[in-house]
Amino acid sequence: RIIAKISRKISNLDAIEVIEEATYSVIRVYIAKDDKIIDVMFRTLPEDFPKSEPLLRKAIESIKFQE
């Protein structure tokens, strides 16, 4: 089940962040680069998500692409 869908910028590229919940809690980011879509996924046990979320968001913010 999708909890949230957020438009954002990653490394100055258009992206969509999706938070899902099932057996695992998942943060998935779809990044548009040139004519490709890059899919980055982080997953954790639902009970660990609250303490893991800040680290996962920090990892998302650290994504960089070379020009």
PDB file of N, CA and C in Angstrom:
ATOM      1  N   ARG A   1       0.854  -1.167   0.000  1.00  0.00           N
ATOM      2  CA  ARG A   1       0.000   0.000   0.000  1.00  0.00           C
ATOM      3  C   ARG A   1       0.896   1.225   0.000  1.00  0.00           C
ATOM      4  N   ILE A   2       0.563   2.201  -0.826  1.00  0.00           N
ATOM      5  CA  ILE A   2       1.337   3.439  -0.921  1.00  0.00           C
ATOM      6  C   ILE A   2       0.897   4.387   0.194  1.00  0.00           C
ATOM      7  N   ILE A   3       1.875   4.824   0.976  1.00  0.00           N
ATOM      8  CA  ILE A   3       1.624   5.749   2.087  1.00  0.00           C
ATOM      9  C   ILE A   3       1.729   7.197   1.614  1.00  0.00           C
ATOM     10  N   ALA A   4       2.746   7.477   0.769  1.00  0.00           N
ATOM     11  CA  ALA A   4       2.959   8.849   0.290  1.00  0.00           C
ATOM     12  C   ALA A   4       3.674   8.832  -1.049  1.00  0.00           C
ATOM     13  N   LYS A   5       3.404   9.858  -1.847  1.00  0.00           N
ATOM     14  CA  LYS A   5       4.077  10.053  -3.129  1.00  0.00           C
ATOM     15  C   LYS A   5       4.427  11.537  -3.194  1.00  0.00           C
ATOM     16  N   ILE A   6       5.737  11.834  -3.329  1.00  0.00           N
ATOM     17  CA  ILE A   6       6.215  13.209  -3.227  1.00  0.00           C
ATOM     18  C   ILE A   6       7.097  13.544  -4.425  1.00  0.00           C
ATOM     19  N   SER A   7       6.787  14.639  -5.125  1.00  0.00           N
ATOM     20  CA  SER A   7       7.667  15.134  -6.182  1.00  0.00           C
ATOM     21  C   SER A   7       8.807  15.884  -5.521  1.00  0.00           C
ATOM     22  N   ARG A   8      10.036  15.701  -6.053  1.00  0.00           N
ATOM     23  CA  ARG A   8      11.201  16.355  -5.462  1.00  0.00           C
ATOM     24  C   ARG A   8      12.316  16.457  -6.472  1.00  0.00           C
ATOM     25  N   LYS A   9      13.397  17.078  -6.085  1.00  0.00           N
ATOM     26  CA  LYS A   9      14.610  17.168  -6.897  1.00  0.00           C
ATOM     27  C   LYS A   9      15.702  16.366  -6.195  1.00  0.00           C
ATOM     28  N   ILE A  10      16.459  15.596  -6.984  1.00  0.00           N
ATOM     29  CA  ILE A  10      17.628  14.880  -6.476  1.00  0.00           C
ATOM     30  C   ILE A  10      18.760  15.182  -7.433  1.00  0.00           C
ATOM     31  N   SER A  11      19.839  15.733  -6.894  1.00  0.00           N
ATOM     32  CA  SER A  11      20.976  16.129  -7.720  1.00  0.00           C
ATOM     33  C   SER A  11      20.491  16.999  -8.888  1.00  0.00           C
ATOM     34  N   ASN A  12      19.533  17.883  -8.571  1.00  0.00           N
ATOM     35  CA  ASN A  12      18.929  18.820  -9.517  1.00  0.00           C
ATOM     36  C   ASN A  12      18.145  18.137 -10.653  1.00  0.00           C
ATOM     37  N   LEU A  13      17.767  16.875 -10.476  1.00  0.00           N
ATOM     38  CA  LEU A  13      16.962  16.150 -11.454  1.00  0.00           C
ATOM     39  C   LEU A  13      15.564  15.929 -10.881  1.00  0.00           C
ATOM     40  N   ASP A  14      14.549  15.892 -11.751  1.00  0.00           N
ATOM     41  CA  ASP A  14      13.184  15.608 -11.306  1.00  0.00           C
ATOM     42  C   ASP A  14      13.107  14.179 -10.779  1.00  0.00           C
ATOM     43  N   ALA A  15      12.415  14.003  -9.669  1.00  0.00           N
ATOM     44  CA  ALA A  15      12.281  12.677  -9.060  1.00  0.00           C
ATOM     45  C   ALA A  15      10.925  12.569  -8.376  1.00  0.00           C
ATOM     46  N   ILE A  16      10.504  11.343  -8.126  1.00  0.00           N
ATOM     47  CA  ILE A  16       9.301  11.058  -7.348  1.00  0.00           C
ATOM     48  C   ILE A  16       9.704  10.086  -6.249  1.00  0.00           C
ATOM     49  N   GLU A  17       9.376  10.440  -5.020  1.00  0.00           N
ATOM     50  CA  GLU A  17       9.634   9.569  -3.867  1.00  0.00           C
ATOM     51  C   GLU A  17       8.319   8.901  -3.492  1.00  0.00           C
ATOM     52  N   VAL A  18       8.364   7.577  -3.323  1.00  0.00           N
ATOM     53  CA  VAL A  18       7.178   6.810  -2.954  1.00  0.00           C
ATOM     54  C   VAL A  18       7.485   6.053  -1.669  1.00  0.00           C
ATOM     55  N   ILE A  19       6.609   6.177  -0.678  1.00  0.00           N
ATOM     56  CA  ILE A  19       6.739   5.409   0.559  1.00  0.00           C
ATOM     57  C   ILE A  19       5.649   4.352   0.546  1.00  0.00           C
ATOM     58  N   GLU A  20       6.076   3.085   0.655  1.00  0.00           N
ATOM     59  CA  GLU A  20       5.151   1.956   0.617  1.00  0.00           C
ATOM     60  C   GLU A  20       5.239   1.182   1.923  1.00  0.00           C
ATOM     61  N   GLU A  21       4.158   0.480   2.241  1.00  0.00           N
ATOM     62  CA  GLU A  21       4.153  -0.361   3.433  1.00  0.00           C
ATOM     63  C   GLU A  21       3.519  -1.696   3.083  1.00  0.00           C
ATOM     64  N   ALA A  22       4.215  -2.769   3.394  1.00  0.00           N
ATOM     65  CA  ALA A  22       3.722  -4.134   3.202  1.00  0.00           C
ATOM     66  C   ALA A  22       4.473  -4.978   4.222  1.00  0.00           C
ATOM     67  N   THR A  23       5.093  -6.061   3.766  1.00  0.00           N
ATOM     68  CA  THR A  23       5.930  -6.850   4.672  1.00  0.00           C
ATOM     69  C   THR A  23       7.088  -5.987   5.162  1.00  0.00           C
ATOM     70  N   TYR A  24       7.556  -5.096   4.286  1.00  0.00           N
ATOM     71  CA  TYR A  24       8.612  -4.149   4.614  1.00  0.00           C
ATOM     72  C   TYR A  24       8.077  -2.746   4.422  1.00  0.00           C
ATOM     73  N   SER A  25       8.683  -1.781   5.114  1.00  0.00           N
ATOM     74  CA  SER A  25       8.456  -0.376   4.798  1.00  0.00           C
ATOM     75  C   SER A  25       9.502  -0.009   3.761  1.00  0.00           C
ATOM     76  N   VAL A  26       9.067   0.651   2.709  1.00  0.00           N
ATOM     77  CA  VAL A  26       9.939   0.931   1.568  1.00  0.00           C
ATOM     78  C   VAL A  26       9.896   2.411   1.233  1.00  0.00           C
ATOM     79  N   ILE A  27      11.069   3.000   1.026  1.00  0.00           N
ATOM     80  CA  ILE A  27      11.164   4.313   0.394  1.00  0.00           C
ATOM     81  C   ILE A  27      11.795   4.053  -0.960  1.00  0.00           C
ATOM     82  N   ARG A  28      11.101   4.462  -1.996  1.00  0.00           N
ATOM     83  CA  ARG A  28      11.575   4.239  -3.364  1.00  0.00           C
ATOM     84  C   ARG A  28      11.602   5.583  -4.065  1.00  0.00           C
ATOM     85  N   VAL A  29      12.685   5.842  -4.777  1.00  0.00           N
ATOM     86  CA  VAL A  29      12.841   7.106  -5.484  1.00  0.00           C
ATOM     87  C   VAL A  29      13.025   6.805  -6.965  1.00  0.00           C
ATOM     88  N   TYR A  30      12.214   7.441  -7.806  1.00  0.00           N
ATOM     89  CA  TYR A  30      12.342   7.340  -9.255  1.00  0.00           C
ATOM     90  C   TYR A  30      12.919   8.667  -9.742  1.00  0.00           C
ATOM     91  N   ILE A  31      14.089   8.611 -10.369  1.00  0.00           N
ATOM     92  CA  ILE A  31      14.787   9.821 -10.792  1.00  0.00           C
ATOM     93  C   ILE A  31      14.839   9.846 -12.318  1.00  0.00           C
ATOM     94  N   ALA A  32      14.404  10.954 -12.911  1.00  0.00           N
ATOM     95  CA  ALA A  32      14.457  11.111 -14.367  1.00  0.00           C
ATOM     96  C   ALA A  32      15.805  11.715 -14.749  1.00  0.00           C
ATOM     97  N   LYS A  33      16.576  10.985 -15.556  1.00  0.00           N
ATOM     98  CA  LYS A  33      17.874  11.478 -16.046  1.00  0.00           C
ATOM     99  C   LYS A  33      17.965  11.177 -17.526  1.00  0.00           C
ATOM    100  N   ASP A  34      18.081  12.254 -18.312  1.00  0.00           N
ATOM    101  CA  ASP A  34      18.097  12.139 -19.767  1.00  0.00           C
ATOM    102  C   ASP A  34      16.841  11.373 -20.205  1.00  0.00           C
ATOM    103  N   ASP A  35      16.988  10.277 -20.910  1.00  0.00           N
ATOM    104  CA  ASP A  35      15.818   9.511 -21.360  1.00  0.00           C
ATOM    105  C   ASP A  35      15.627   8.244 -20.538  1.00  0.00           C
ATOM    106  N   LYS A  36      16.161   8.234 -19.317  1.00  0.00           N
ATOM    107  CA  LYS A  36      16.088   7.047 -18.453  1.00  0.00           C
ATOM    108  C   LYS A  36      15.395   7.390 -17.133  1.00  0.00           C
ATOM    109  N   ILE A  37      14.880   6.358 -16.485  1.00  0.00           N
ATOM    110  CA  ILE A  37      14.358   6.465 -15.122  1.00  0.00           C
ATOM    111  C   ILE A  37      15.246   5.592 -14.244  1.00  0.00           C
ATOM    112  N   ILE A  38      15.796   6.181 -13.200  1.00  0.00           N
ATOM    113  CA  ILE A  38      16.646   5.457 -12.254  1.00  0.00           C
ATOM    114  C   ILE A  38      15.794   5.162 -11.025  1.00  0.00           C
ATOM    115  N   ASP A  39      15.771   3.907 -10.616  1.00  0.00           N
ATOM    116  CA  ASP A  39      14.956   3.437  -9.497  1.00  0.00           C
ATOM    117  C   ASP A  39      15.890   3.085  -8.337  1.00  0.00           C
ATOM    118  N   VAL A  40      15.746   3.811  -7.213  1.00  0.00           N
ATOM    119  CA  VAL A  40      16.545   3.548  -6.017  1.00  0.00           C
ATOM    120  C   VAL A  40      15.573   3.139  -4.919  1.00  0.00           C
ATOM    121  N   MET A  41      15.846   2.006  -4.258  1.00  0.00           N
ATOM    122  CA  MET A  41      14.917   1.507  -3.252  1.00  0.00           C
ATOM    123  C   MET A  41      15.650   1.210  -1.936  1.00  0.00           C
ATOM    124  N   PHE A  42      15.040   1.623  -0.841  1.00  0.00           N
ATOM    125  CA  PHE A  42      15.502   1.306   0.501  1.00  0.00           C
ATOM    126  C   PHE A  42      14.360   0.602   1.219  1.00  0.00           C
ATOM    127  N   ARG A  43      14.649  -0.493   1.908  1.00  0.00           N
ATOM    128  CA  ARG A  43      13.581  -1.163   2.647  1.00  0.00           C
ATOM    129  C   ARG A  43      14.065  -1.547   4.035  1.00  0.00           C
ATOM    130  N   THR A  44      13.100  -1.583   4.955  1.00  0.00           N
ATOM    131  CA  THR A  44      13.386  -1.916   6.343  1.00  0.00           C
ATOM    132  C   THR A  44      12.149  -2.582   6.944  1.00  0.00           C
ATOM    133  N   LEU A  45      12.311  -3.258   8.026  1.00  0.00           N
ATOM    134  CA  LEU A  45      11.158  -3.817   8.722  1.00  0.00           C
ATOM    135  C   LEU A  45      10.289  -2.668   9.232  1.00  0.00           C
ATOM    136  N   PRO A  46       8.966  -2.821   9.180  1.00  0.00           N
ATOM    137  CA  PRO A  46       8.088  -1.725   9.603  1.00  0.00           C
ATOM    138  C   PRO A  46       8.395  -1.201  11.011  1.00  0.00           C
ATOM    139  N   GLU A  47       8.739  -2.090  11.924  1.00  0.00           N
ATOM    140  CA  GLU A  47       9.023  -1.638  13.288  1.00  0.00           C
ATOM    141  C   GLU A  47      10.338  -0.865  13.385  1.00  0.00           C
ATOM    142  N   ASP A  48      11.235  -1.032  12.401  1.00  0.00           N
ATOM    143  CA  ASP A  48      12.509  -0.306  12.387  1.00  0.00           C
ATOM    144  C   ASP A  48      12.430   0.997  11.599  1.00  0.00           C
ATOM    145  N   PHE A  49      11.344   1.200  10.835  1.00  0.00           N
ATOM    146  CA  PHE A  49      11.255   2.360   9.956  1.00  0.00           C
ATOM    147  C   PHE A  49      11.405   3.696  10.682  1.00  0.00           C
ATOM    148  N   PRO A  50      10.729   3.911  11.809  1.00  0.00           N
ATOM    149  CA  PRO A  50      10.859   5.228  12.463  1.00  0.00           C
ATOM    150  C   PRO A  50      12.312   5.593  12.797  1.00  0.00           C
ATOM    151  N   LYS A  51      13.099   4.656  13.248  1.00  0.00           N
ATOM    152  CA  LYS A  51      14.494   4.995  13.577  1.00  0.00           C
ATOM    153  C   LYS A  51      15.389   4.988  12.337  1.00  0.00           C
ATOM    154  N   SER A  52      15.004   4.268  11.294  1.00  0.00           N
ATOM    155  CA  SER A  52      15.807   4.196  10.067  1.00  0.00           C
ATOM    156  C   SER A  52      15.512   5.328   9.095  1.00  0.00           C
ATOM    157  N   GLU A  53      14.316   5.885   9.152  1.00  0.00           N
ATOM    158  CA  GLU A  53      13.912   6.881   8.154  1.00  0.00           C
ATOM    159  C   GLU A  53      14.889   8.053   8.035  1.00  0.00           C
ATOM    160  N   PRO A  54      15.361   8.653   9.131  1.00  0.00           N
ATOM    161  CA  PRO A  54      16.310   9.770   8.969  1.00  0.00           C
ATOM    162  C   PRO A  54      17.587   9.360   8.223  1.00  0.00           C
ATOM    163  N   LEU A  55      18.083   8.158   8.463  1.00  0.00           N
ATOM    164  CA  LEU A  55      19.275   7.686   7.759  1.00  0.00           C
ATOM    165  C   LEU A  55      18.984   7.428   6.287  1.00  0.00           C
ATOM    166  N   LEU A  56      17.813   6.888   5.989  1.00  0.00           N
ATOM    167  CA  LEU A  56      17.440   6.645   4.603  1.00  0.00           C
ATOM    168  C   LEU A  56      17.288   7.965   3.846  1.00  0.00           C
ATOM    169  N   ARG A  57      16.694   8.955   4.492  1.00  0.00           N
ATOM    170  CA  ARG A  57      16.545  10.263   3.849  1.00  0.00           C
ATOM    171  C   ARG A  57      17.911  10.909   3.616  1.00  0.00           C
ATOM    172  N   LYS A  58      18.828  10.733   4.552  1.00  0.00           N
ATOM    173  CA  LYS A  58      20.189  11.251   4.384  1.00  0.00           C
ATOM    174  C   LYS A  58      20.866  10.565   3.189  1.00  0.00           C
ATOM    175  N   ALA A  59      20.651   9.272   3.043  1.00  0.00           N
ATOM    176  CA  ALA A  59      21.208   8.534   1.901  1.00  0.00           C
ATOM    177  C   ALA A  59      20.625   9.051   0.586  1.00  0.00           C
ATOM    178  N   ILE A  60      19.316   9.319   0.564  1.00  0.00           N
ATOM    179  CA  ILE A  60      18.688   9.863  -0.643  1.00  0.00           C
ATOM    180  C   ILE A  60      19.300  11.219  -0.991  1.00  0.00           C
ATOM    181  N   GLU A  61      19.486  12.065   0.013  1.00  0.00           N
ATOM    182  CA  GLU A  61      20.061  13.386  -0.228  1.00  0.00           C
ATOM    183  C   GLU A  61      21.502  13.303  -0.725  1.00  0.00           C
ATOM    184  N   SER A  62      22.192  12.207  -0.454  1.00  0.00           N
ATOM    185  CA  SER A  62      23.596  12.076  -0.859  1.00  0.00           C
ATOM    186  C   SER A  62      23.755  11.592  -2.307  1.00  0.00           C
ATOM    187  N   ILE A  63      22.662  11.243  -2.966  1.00  0.00           N
ATOM    188  CA  ILE A  63      22.750  10.758  -4.352  1.00  0.00           C
ATOM    189  C   ILE A  63      23.201  11.894  -5.260  1.00  0.00           C
ATOM    190  N   LYS A  64      24.267  11.646  -6.000  1.00  0.00           N
ATOM    191  CA  LYS A  64      24.821  12.631  -6.941  1.00  0.00           C
ATOM    192  C   LYS A  64      25.079  11.961  -8.278  1.00  0.00           C
ATOM    193  N   PHE A  65      24.937  12.713  -9.353  1.00  0.00           N
ATOM    194  CA  PHE A  65      25.199  12.212 -10.698  1.00  0.00           C
ATOM    195  C   PHE A  65      26.231  13.093 -11.367  1.00  0.00           C
ATOM    196  N   GLN A  66      27.098  12.483 -12.116  1.00  0.00           N
ATOM    197  CA  GLN A  66      28.052  13.252 -12.901  1.00  0.00           C
ATOM    198  C   GLN A  66      27.370  13.754 -14.155  1.00  0.00           C
ATOM    199  N   GLU A  67      27.767  14.915 -14.581  1.00  0.00           N
ATOM    200  CA  GLU A  67      27.192  15.509 -15.803  1.00  0.00           C
ATOM    201  C   GLU A  67      27.797  14.874 -17.025  1.00  0.00           C
TER     202      GLU A  67
END
